[in-house]
Amino acid sequence: MTTEDLGEIVKRYRSDPESVYNTWFVRSPERLKAFRSIRRGVMEVVRSIREGSFGADFKGSPLETVIQSITEQKQVFEGAAHPFYWKPKLRIPDIYEDEENKRAFGQLLERALASPGEERLVREVLDLDRRRIKGLGPAVANILYFLHPTLFPPFNTAIVRGFNALFADSKKLGSWPDYLQMREVIKSANGGLRPPLSTDLGAFAGLLFDIGVGKVLIESNLAQGLAREREEVEKIVRRRHREVEEDRAEENEHLKIQHMLTTVGRSLGYAVHVATNDRGRSYEGESLSSLTVDRLPDLGLSEETAQTIALIDVLWLRPDGGQVVCAFEVEKSTSIYSGILRLVDLAKSVGDPALHFYLVAPNAREKEIQAQLRRPAFGDLGALELRYILFRELCEHCTGLCKFGDDHTVLRKIAKGKEGPVIRPS
């Protein structure tokens, strides 16, 4: 395939509003947030392996939390959890019962967190492969992607199928050497585009995914695609359209709650900041950018921490000097754990006992919220309060909060903590 051919395919991919590129890579409000929460989750995996508390099953382990955050990205990461499920009859993946294998897995993740450089990371992957740990294949690359998105592309069946169709190859799903060869070809092909699709290899992996599921047809599989039963082709298109519509419905509900929190905050006299990747959006004809501050005030934080805080869904700020008063994370269907973790990150970064933190989620997720708040990781979190607000209560009482509230303490009328004392993060 020539660079010109690839460029034409990429052009079609980018122009399709329902492609992975447009529905996940450039427009997903949760994509950027996932990187830090997954990194924190991987740190917990490494710590638990080192301390011997990792456990003998995927379920309930810190690895489950990491993979859950990955699979919530949907589309490219559908099925990412399956390779890590503990299959007792097959004794795979063999990282739950074999302590040496478990430590080797933890060592790879620890080295990846340390960012030793591309060549060293590839050597670490090869060292892991040489151990021949049963069931532990390139599915691990989906974790590595969220630690080093410019070095490691995501990996699954559809991506391999798309790669083989695009490059007329026959790479295998469970082979680390094949994955590393795919990685080199992907980097080379992406670099040959002018300009590259993105330095983040998730964009190119999304193209391979769309080819692999039949969403993008190329010359090498065009005849096969045309010969396929029309009903089967239409089924793929209908399924993708349904997924896109469901995602849009979730985004609209998320936007509605953001707008509502913005309205309440302004009515109580606060300046409001919404996540930087949501500022260009509008709800019922009213743009969030017209209701909120242009940027976060200088909070005396590192640039990386400030960028992460700027992605929190809604912040209420004091108009005089811009001190953060309340922070809200809206979790319609994404990870409750990740949402709590981002708020705890903010609490630890700012270290201001006057801050108040709220998780905002659908009523149907209340039991899940309470279960997460009871996790040992959130059991002793210091002096700052962490509560949750349910969608129904916010929607029902929004007008009353605006009309009768004097300051942020009015939220206590509808906010809850876990059973017993309110969680107090540090």
Protein backbone atom coordinates (compact mmCIF):
# COMPACT_ATOMS: atom_id res chain seq x y z
CA MET A 1 0.00 0.00 0.00
CA THR A 2 1.36 3.43 -0.93
CA THR A 3 1.40 6.44 1.35
CA GLU A 4 -1.15 8.06 -0.99
CA ASP A 5 -3.51 5.10 -0.59
CA LEU A 6 -3.14 5.23 3.18
CA GLY A 7 -3.69 8.99 3.14
CA GLU A 8 -6.99 8.53 1.30
CA ILE A 9 -8.15 5.90 3.81
CA VAL A 10 -7.18 8.17 6.71
CA LYS A 11 -9.09 11.02 5.09
CA ARG A 12 -12.26 8.93 4.95
CA TYR A 13 -11.70 7.80 8.52
CA ARG A 14 -11.31 11.34 9.83
CA SER A 15 -14.30 12.68 7.92
CA ASP A 16 -16.73 10.01 9.16
CA PRO A 17 -18.60 11.49 12.18
CA GLU A 18 -19.19 7.98 13.54
CA SER A 19 -15.58 6.78 13.25
CA VAL A 20 -13.57 5.90 16.35
CA TYR A 21 -11.49 8.99 15.60
CA ASN A 22 -14.47 11.31 16.02
CA THR A 23 -16.53 9.49 18.64
CA TRP A 24 -13.67 8.55 20.97
CA PHE A 25 -10.27 9.95 20.11
CA VAL A 26 -11.01 13.66 19.64
CA ARG A 27 -14.45 14.06 21.21
CA SER A 28 -14.74 11.73 24.18
CA PRO A 29 -14.91 13.85 27.35
CA GLU A 30 -13.59 10.94 29.42
CA ARG A 31 -10.56 9.98 27.32
CA LEU A 32 -8.09 12.51 28.70
CA LYS A 33 -9.31 12.01 32.24
CA ALA A 34 -8.61 8.29 32.03
CA PHE A 35 -4.84 8.67 31.72
CA ARG A 36 -4.18 9.93 35.24
CA SER A 37 -6.72 7.70 36.99
CA ILE A 38 -5.37 4.61 35.20
CA ARG A 39 -1.82 5.60 36.11
CA ARG A 40 -2.86 5.90 39.75
CA GLY A 41 -4.59 2.53 39.50
CA VAL A 42 -1.45 0.91 38.06
CA MET A 43 0.53 2.35 40.97
CA GLU A 44 -1.92 0.58 43.30
CA VAL A 45 -1.43 -2.70 41.40
CA VAL A 46 2.35 -2.40 41.78
CA ARG A 47 2.05 -1.53 45.48
CA SER A 48 -0.30 -4.45 46.20
CA ILE A 49 2.00 -6.94 44.42
CA ARG A 50 5.01 -5.64 46.34
CA GLU A 51 3.17 -5.85 49.68
CA GLY A 52 1.59 -9.24 48.99
CA SER A 53 -2.03 -8.06 49.07
CA PHE A 54 -2.81 -8.39 45.35
CA GLY A 55 -4.99 -11.47 45.78
CA ALA A 56 -5.54 -14.74 43.91
CA ASP A 57 -8.29 -13.62 41.54
CA PHE A 58 -9.01 -10.82 39.08
CA LYS A 59 -12.27 -9.96 40.83
CA GLY A 60 -11.68 -7.59 43.71
CA SER A 61 -8.06 -6.96 42.78
CA PRO A 62 -6.69 -3.48 42.00
CA LEU A 63 -6.07 -4.78 38.47
CA GLU A 64 -9.84 -5.12 38.03
CA THR A 65 -10.21 -1.41 38.76
CA VAL A 66 -7.57 -0.49 36.18
CA ILE A 67 -9.09 -2.68 33.47
CA GLN A 68 -12.59 -1.39 34.28
CA SER A 69 -11.39 2.16 33.67
CA ILE A 70 -9.93 1.03 30.34
CA THR A 71 -13.01 -0.85 29.14
CA GLU A 72 -15.19 2.18 29.96
CA GLN A 73 -13.46 3.91 27.05
CA LYS A 74 -15.61 1.57 24.91
CA GLN A 75 -15.13 0.94 21.17
CA VAL A 76 -11.39 0.33 20.84
CA PHE A 77 -11.25 -1.28 24.30
CA GLU A 78 -14.26 -3.56 24.12
CA GLY A 79 -13.29 -6.92 25.56
CA ALA A 80 -10.09 -5.61 27.15
CA ALA A 81 -10.97 -7.30 30.46
CA HIS A 82 -11.46 -10.82 29.10
CA PRO A 83 -7.77 -11.83 28.95
CA PHE A 84 -7.34 -10.91 32.62
CA TYR A 85 -10.29 -12.90 34.00
CA TRP A 86 -9.01 -15.75 36.17
CA LYS A 87 -9.87 -19.05 34.47
CA PRO A 88 -9.34 -21.68 37.20
CA LYS A 89 -9.63 -24.75 34.99
CA LEU A 90 -6.94 -23.46 32.62
CA ARG A 91 -4.91 -21.78 35.39
CA ILE A 92 -4.62 -18.63 33.26
CA PRO A 93 -3.54 -15.93 33.25
CA ASP A 94 -0.93 -17.31 35.57
CA ILE A 95 -0.34 -14.14 37.62
CA TYR A 96 -2.76 -14.87 40.44
CA GLU A 97 -1.37 -18.11 41.90
CA ASP A 98 2.26 -18.04 40.77
CA GLU A 99 4.07 -15.48 42.92
CA GLU A 100 7.10 -15.26 40.64
CA ASN A 101 4.91 -14.52 37.62
CA LYS A 102 2.97 -11.99 39.65
CA ARG A 103 6.16 -10.19 40.61
CA ALA A 104 7.35 -10.19 36.97
CA PHE A 105 4.05 -8.61 35.89
CA GLY A 106 4.36 -6.01 38.66
CA GLN A 107 7.95 -5.29 37.66
CA LEU A 108 6.92 -4.52 34.07
CA LEU A 109 4.25 -2.12 35.28
CA GLU A 110 6.64 -0.50 37.76
CA ARG A 111 9.27 0.04 35.06
CA ALA A 112 6.62 1.48 32.74
CA LEU A 113 5.55 3.94 35.44
CA ALA A 114 9.17 5.01 35.84
CA SER A 115 9.30 5.99 32.13
CA PRO A 116 12.82 4.68 31.45
CA GLY A 117 12.64 5.34 27.71
CA GLU A 118 11.36 3.51 24.64
CA GLU A 119 14.25 1.09 24.15
CA ARG A 120 14.29 0.04 27.81
CA LEU A 121 10.51 -0.46 27.84
CA VAL A 122 10.65 -2.71 24.79
CA ARG A 123 13.38 -4.76 26.49
CA GLU A 124 11.14 -5.10 29.56
CA VAL A 125 8.32 -6.39 27.36
CA LEU A 126 10.66 -8.93 25.76
CA ASP A 127 11.88 -10.02 29.20
CA LEU A 128 8.27 -10.62 30.24
CA ASP A 129 7.62 -12.59 27.05
CA ARG A 130 10.65 -14.80 27.71
CA ARG A 131 9.06 -15.91 30.97
CA ARG A 132 6.26 -17.58 28.96
CA ILE A 133 3.62 -16.73 31.53
CA LYS A 134 0.51 -18.65 30.49
CA GLY A 135 -2.31 -16.39 29.31
CA LEU A 136 -0.41 -13.13 29.77
CA GLY A 137 -0.10 -11.82 26.22
CA PRO A 138 -0.25 -8.47 24.43
CA ALA A 139 -3.55 -7.55 26.12
CA VAL A 140 -1.18 -5.90 28.64
CA ALA A 141 -0.44 -3.39 25.86
CA ASN A 142 -3.79 -1.74 26.61
CA ILE A 143 -2.39 -0.81 30.02
CA LEU A 144 0.92 0.31 28.52
CA TYR A 145 -0.98 2.53 26.09
CA PHE A 146 -2.43 4.60 28.94
CA LEU A 147 1.04 4.98 30.44
CA HIS A 148 2.83 5.75 27.15
CA PRO A 149 0.31 6.59 24.39
CA THR A 150 2.99 7.71 21.93
CA LEU A 151 4.93 4.44 22.26
CA PHE A 152 2.39 1.61 22.59
CA PRO A 153 -0.80 1.27 20.52
CA PRO A 154 -3.90 -0.46 21.94
CA PHE A 155 -4.39 -4.10 20.99
CA ASN A 156 -7.34 -6.45 20.47
CA THR A 157 -8.86 -8.87 17.93
CA ALA A 158 -10.43 -6.19 15.74
CA ILE A 159 -7.20 -4.15 15.66
CA VAL A 160 -5.17 -7.20 14.59
CA ARG A 161 -7.76 -8.04 11.94
CA GLY A 162 -7.65 -4.46 10.66
CA PHE A 163 -3.85 -4.44 10.66
CA ASN A 164 -3.69 -7.66 8.64
CA ALA A 165 -6.23 -6.31 6.13
CA LEU A 166 -4.51 -2.96 5.74
CA PHE A 167 -0.95 -4.26 5.48
CA ALA A 168 -1.69 -7.68 3.89
CA ASP A 169 -0.13 -9.46 6.87
CA SER A 170 -0.98 -12.39 9.13
CA LYS A 171 -0.08 -11.25 12.64
CA LYS A 172 -1.35 -13.39 15.54
CA LEU A 173 -3.42 -12.19 18.46
CA GLY A 174 -1.50 -13.76 21.37
CA SER A 175 2.07 -13.07 20.25
CA TRP A 176 4.22 -10.38 21.88
CA PRO A 177 6.75 -10.47 18.98
CA ASP A 178 3.90 -9.95 16.52
CA TYR A 179 2.59 -7.06 18.61
CA LEU A 180 6.00 -5.39 18.68
CA GLN A 181 6.30 -5.80 14.90
CA MET A 182 2.83 -4.29 14.48
CA ARG A 183 3.91 -1.41 16.69
CA GLU A 184 6.90 -0.64 14.46
CA VAL A 185 4.78 -0.77 11.29
CA ILE A 186 2.11 1.46 12.86
CA LYS A 187 4.69 4.03 13.96
CA SER A 188 6.33 4.00 10.54
CA ALA A 189 3.05 4.28 8.61
CA ASN A 190 1.77 7.01 10.89
CA GLY A 191 5.05 8.92 10.61
CA GLY A 192 4.88 8.67 6.82
CA LEU A 193 1.62 10.62 6.73
CA ARG A 194 1.93 14.37 6.26
CA PRO A 195 1.00 15.30 8.90
CA PRO A 196 0.77 12.14 11.06
CA LEU A 197 -2.72 11.19 12.15
CA SER A 198 -1.56 11.89 15.73
CA THR A 199 1.50 11.25 17.84
CA ASP A 200 -0.93 9.44 20.17
CA LEU A 201 -1.09 5.93 18.65
CA GLY A 202 -4.67 5.50 19.84
CA ALA A 203 -5.79 7.43 16.74
CA PHE A 204 -4.16 4.96 14.33
CA ALA A 205 -5.34 1.99 16.40
CA GLY A 206 -8.85 3.39 16.02
CA LEU A 207 -8.44 3.29 12.24
CA LEU A 208 -7.34 -0.36 12.41
CA PHE A 209 -10.29 -1.12 14.69
CA ASP A 210 -12.76 0.43 12.22
CA ILE A 211 -11.19 -1.59 9.39
CA GLY A 212 -11.27 -4.72 11.52
CA VAL A 213 -15.00 -4.47 12.28
CA GLY A 214 -15.86 -3.63 8.66
CA LYS A 215 -16.62 0.04 9.25
CA VAL A 216 -13.88 1.18 6.85
CA LEU A 217 -13.41 -0.81 3.63
CA ILE A 218 -10.07 -0.80 1.82
CA GLU A 219 -9.08 -2.10 -1.59
CA SER A 220 -7.72 -5.40 -0.26
CA ASN A 221 -10.98 -6.30 1.43
CA LEU A 222 -13.37 -4.33 -0.77
CA ALA A 223 -14.41 -7.32 -2.86
CA GLN A 224 -14.90 -9.40 0.25
CA GLY A 225 -16.92 -6.59 1.81
CA LEU A 226 -19.12 -6.20 -1.27
CA ALA A 227 -19.61 -9.95 -1.55
CA ARG A 228 -20.67 -10.19 2.06
CA GLU A 229 -24.36 -10.46 2.68
CA ARG A 230 -25.87 -6.97 2.56
CA GLU A 231 -27.73 -7.68 5.77
CA GLU A 232 -24.47 -8.41 7.59
CA VAL A 233 -22.87 -5.16 6.40
CA GLU A 234 -25.94 -3.20 7.39
CA LYS A 235 -25.94 -4.91 10.80
CA ILE A 236 -22.42 -3.60 11.46
CA VAL A 237 -23.44 -0.08 10.45
CA ARG A 238 -26.63 -0.20 12.54
CA ARG A 239 -24.76 -1.47 15.60
CA ARG A 240 -22.15 1.28 15.34
CA HIS A 241 -24.85 3.90 14.82
CA ARG A 242 -26.73 2.62 17.89
CA GLU A 243 -23.54 2.74 19.99
CA VAL A 244 -22.85 6.29 18.83
CA GLU A 245 -26.40 7.38 19.63
CA GLU A 246 -26.19 5.82 23.10
CA ASP A 247 -22.90 7.59 23.74
CA ARG A 248 -24.41 10.89 22.60
CA ALA A 249 -27.40 10.40 24.91
CA GLU A 250 -24.99 9.83 27.82
CA GLU A 251 -22.97 12.91 26.87
CA ASN A 252 -26.15 15.01 26.71
CA GLU A 253 -27.19 13.92 30.21
CA HIS A 254 -23.67 14.64 31.44
CA LEU A 255 -23.87 18.09 29.82
CA LYS A 256 -27.29 18.74 31.38
CA ILE A 257 -25.91 18.07 34.87
CA GLN A 258 -22.83 20.23 34.19
CA HIS A 259 -25.09 23.07 33.07
CA MET A 260 -27.29 22.63 36.16
CA LEU A 261 -24.28 22.74 38.52
CA THR A 262 -23.04 25.83 36.67
CA THR A 263 -26.43 27.51 37.08
CA VAL A 264 -26.59 26.75 40.81
CA GLY A 265 -23.02 27.92 41.38
CA ARG A 266 -23.57 31.23 39.60
CA SER A 267 -26.82 31.79 41.51
CA LEU A 268 -24.94 31.33 44.78
CA GLY A 269 -22.42 33.99 43.73
CA TYR A 270 -19.51 31.81 42.67
CA ALA A 271 -17.45 31.96 39.52
CA VAL A 272 -17.60 28.61 37.74
CA HIS A 273 -15.01 26.65 35.78
CA VAL A 274 -16.00 23.66 33.64
CA ALA A 275 -13.64 21.04 32.24
CA THR A 276 -11.50 22.53 29.51
CA ASN A 277 -12.56 19.86 27.03
CA ASP A 278 -16.25 20.77 27.60
CA ARG A 279 -16.04 24.56 27.36
CA GLY A 280 -17.08 24.63 23.69
CA ARG A 281 -20.31 22.71 24.29
CA SER A 282 -23.81 24.20 24.58
CA TYR A 283 -26.95 23.13 26.43
CA GLU A 284 -30.33 24.28 25.12
CA GLY A 285 -28.64 26.99 23.09
CA GLU A 286 -26.52 28.33 25.97
CA SER A 287 -22.78 27.78 25.68
CA LEU A 288 -20.85 26.77 28.79
CA SER A 289 -18.05 29.14 27.80
CA SER A 290 -20.42 32.12 28.16
CA LEU A 291 -21.28 31.09 31.74
CA THR A 292 -17.84 30.20 33.02
CA VAL A 293 -14.37 31.63 33.55
CA ASP A 294 -11.86 31.35 30.73
CA ARG A 295 -9.21 29.56 32.75
CA LEU A 296 -8.30 28.38 36.21
CA PRO A 297 -6.68 30.93 38.52
CA ASP A 298 -3.09 30.35 39.56
CA LEU A 299 -3.37 27.83 42.39
CA GLY A 300 0.38 27.50 42.87
CA LEU A 301 0.43 23.96 41.48
CA SER A 302 2.67 22.19 39.01
CA GLU A 303 1.67 22.45 35.36
CA GLU A 304 0.73 18.75 35.18
CA THR A 305 -1.46 18.95 38.29
CA ALA A 306 -3.11 22.17 37.08
CA GLN A 307 -3.93 20.53 33.73
CA THR A 308 -5.50 17.56 35.51
CA ILE A 309 -7.58 19.77 37.80
CA ALA A 310 -8.74 21.76 34.76
CA LEU A 311 -10.39 18.53 33.50
CA ILE A 312 -12.63 18.16 36.58
CA ASP A 313 -16.22 18.54 35.38
CA VAL A 314 -17.25 21.59 37.44
CA LEU A 315 -15.43 23.82 39.94
CA TRP A 316 -16.99 26.61 41.99
CA LEU A 317 -14.53 29.44 42.68
CA ARG A 318 -14.62 32.48 44.93
CA PRO A 319 -14.90 35.55 42.67
CA ASP A 320 -12.21 37.33 44.71
CA GLY A 321 -8.92 35.61 43.98
CA GLY A 322 -10.38 32.42 42.55
CA GLN A 323 -9.93 29.99 45.45
CA VAL A 324 -11.64 26.67 44.69
CA VAL A 325 -14.64 26.11 46.99
CA CYS A 326 -16.38 23.04 45.53
CA ALA A 327 -15.41 20.41 42.98
CA PHE A 328 -17.86 18.13 41.17
CA GLU A 329 -17.23 15.00 39.10
CA VAL A 330 -20.23 13.79 37.06
CA GLU A 331 -20.24 10.02 36.49
CA LYS A 332 -23.14 8.99 34.25
CA SER A 333 -21.77 5.58 33.30
CA THR A 334 -18.02 5.85 33.76
CA SER A 335 -15.98 4.56 36.69
CA ILE A 336 -17.15 5.71 40.13
CA TYR A 337 -13.74 4.73 41.46
CA SER A 338 -11.95 6.91 38.89
CA GLY A 339 -14.21 9.87 39.68
CA ILE A 340 -13.48 9.58 43.40
CA LEU A 341 -9.78 9.19 42.66
CA ARG A 342 -9.70 12.44 40.65
CA LEU A 343 -11.35 14.32 43.52
CA VAL A 344 -8.91 12.82 46.01
CA ASP A 345 -6.05 13.82 43.68
CA LEU A 346 -7.32 17.41 43.75
CA ALA A 347 -7.69 17.31 47.53
CA LYS A 348 -4.14 16.07 48.01
CA SER A 349 -2.73 18.51 45.47
CA VAL A 350 -4.42 21.61 46.86
CA GLY A 351 -4.40 20.63 50.53
CA ASP A 352 -7.06 23.21 51.41
CA PRO A 353 -9.46 22.12 54.20
CA ALA A 354 -12.05 24.63 52.95
CA LEU A 355 -12.63 22.63 49.77
CA HIS A 356 -15.73 20.47 49.37
CA PHE A 357 -15.92 17.52 46.99
CA TYR A 358 -18.97 15.98 45.35
CA LEU A 359 -19.51 12.97 43.13
CA VAL A 360 -22.68 13.43 41.03
CA ALA A 361 -24.25 10.28 39.59
CA PRO A 362 -27.57 8.61 38.61
CA ASN A 363 -29.79 7.30 41.39
CA ALA A 364 -29.37 3.75 40.09
CA ARG A 365 -25.65 3.89 40.96
CA GLU A 366 -26.08 4.79 44.64
CA LYS A 367 -25.20 1.31 45.94
CA GLU A 368 -22.13 1.28 43.71
CA ILE A 369 -21.07 4.66 45.09
CA GLN A 370 -21.47 3.51 48.67
CA ALA A 371 -19.50 0.35 47.95
CA GLN A 372 -16.64 2.38 46.45
CA LEU A 373 -16.63 4.83 49.35
CA ARG A 374 -16.19 1.88 51.72
CA ARG A 375 -13.07 0.67 49.89
CA PRO A 376 -10.00 0.51 52.16
CA ALA A 377 -8.24 2.95 49.82
CA PHE A 378 -10.71 5.65 50.87
CA GLY A 379 -10.99 4.64 54.52
CA ASP A 380 -8.67 7.21 56.08
CA LEU A 381 -8.48 10.32 53.99
CA GLY A 382 -8.07 13.15 56.42
CA ALA A 383 -10.05 16.32 57.01
CA LEU A 384 -11.77 17.27 53.74
CA GLU A 385 -15.29 16.17 52.95
CA LEU A 386 -16.33 13.92 50.08
CA ARG A 387 -20.06 13.51 49.48
CA TYR A 388 -22.30 12.46 46.60
CA ILE A 389 -25.37 13.97 44.95
CA LEU A 390 -27.86 11.93 42.93
CA PHE A 391 -29.17 13.20 39.60
CA ARG A 392 -32.83 13.10 40.61
CA GLU A 393 -32.30 15.21 43.73
CA LEU A 394 -30.27 17.78 41.82
CA CYS A 395 -32.86 18.02 39.04
CA GLU A 396 -35.81 18.22 41.44
CA HIS A 397 -34.25 20.84 43.71
CA CYS A 398 -32.19 22.93 41.30
CA THR A 399 -34.63 25.85 41.32
CA GLY A 400 -34.91 25.78 45.12
CA LEU A 401 -31.14 25.70 45.56
CA CYS A 402 -30.82 28.75 43.32
CA LYS A 403 -33.66 30.62 45.00
CA PHE A 404 -33.11 29.90 48.68
CA GLY A 405 -29.42 29.08 48.96
CA ASP A 406 -26.90 31.53 50.41
CA ASP A 407 -23.70 29.62 49.74
CA HIS A 408 -22.36 26.13 49.02
CA THR A 409 -23.68 24.76 52.32
CA VAL A 410 -27.16 24.55 50.76
CA LEU A 411 -25.92 21.43 48.97
CA ARG A 412 -25.99 19.62 52.34
CA LYS A 413 -29.76 19.46 51.87
CA ILE A 414 -29.38 16.97 49.02
CA ALA A 415 -25.85 15.55 49.40
CA LYS A 416 -25.03 12.26 51.11
CA GLY A 417 -21.96 10.49 52.47
CA LYS A 418 -21.36 6.79 52.93
CA GLU A 419 -23.28 5.03 55.67
CA GLY A 420 -21.91 6.37 58.94
CA PRO A 421 -19.47 9.32 59.04
CA VAL A 422 -18.93 11.40 55.93
CA ILE A 423 -15.74 10.50 54.03
CA ARG A 424 -13.08 13.13 54.63
CA PRO A 425 -10.26 12.98 52.02
CA SER A 426 -6.87 14.65 52.49
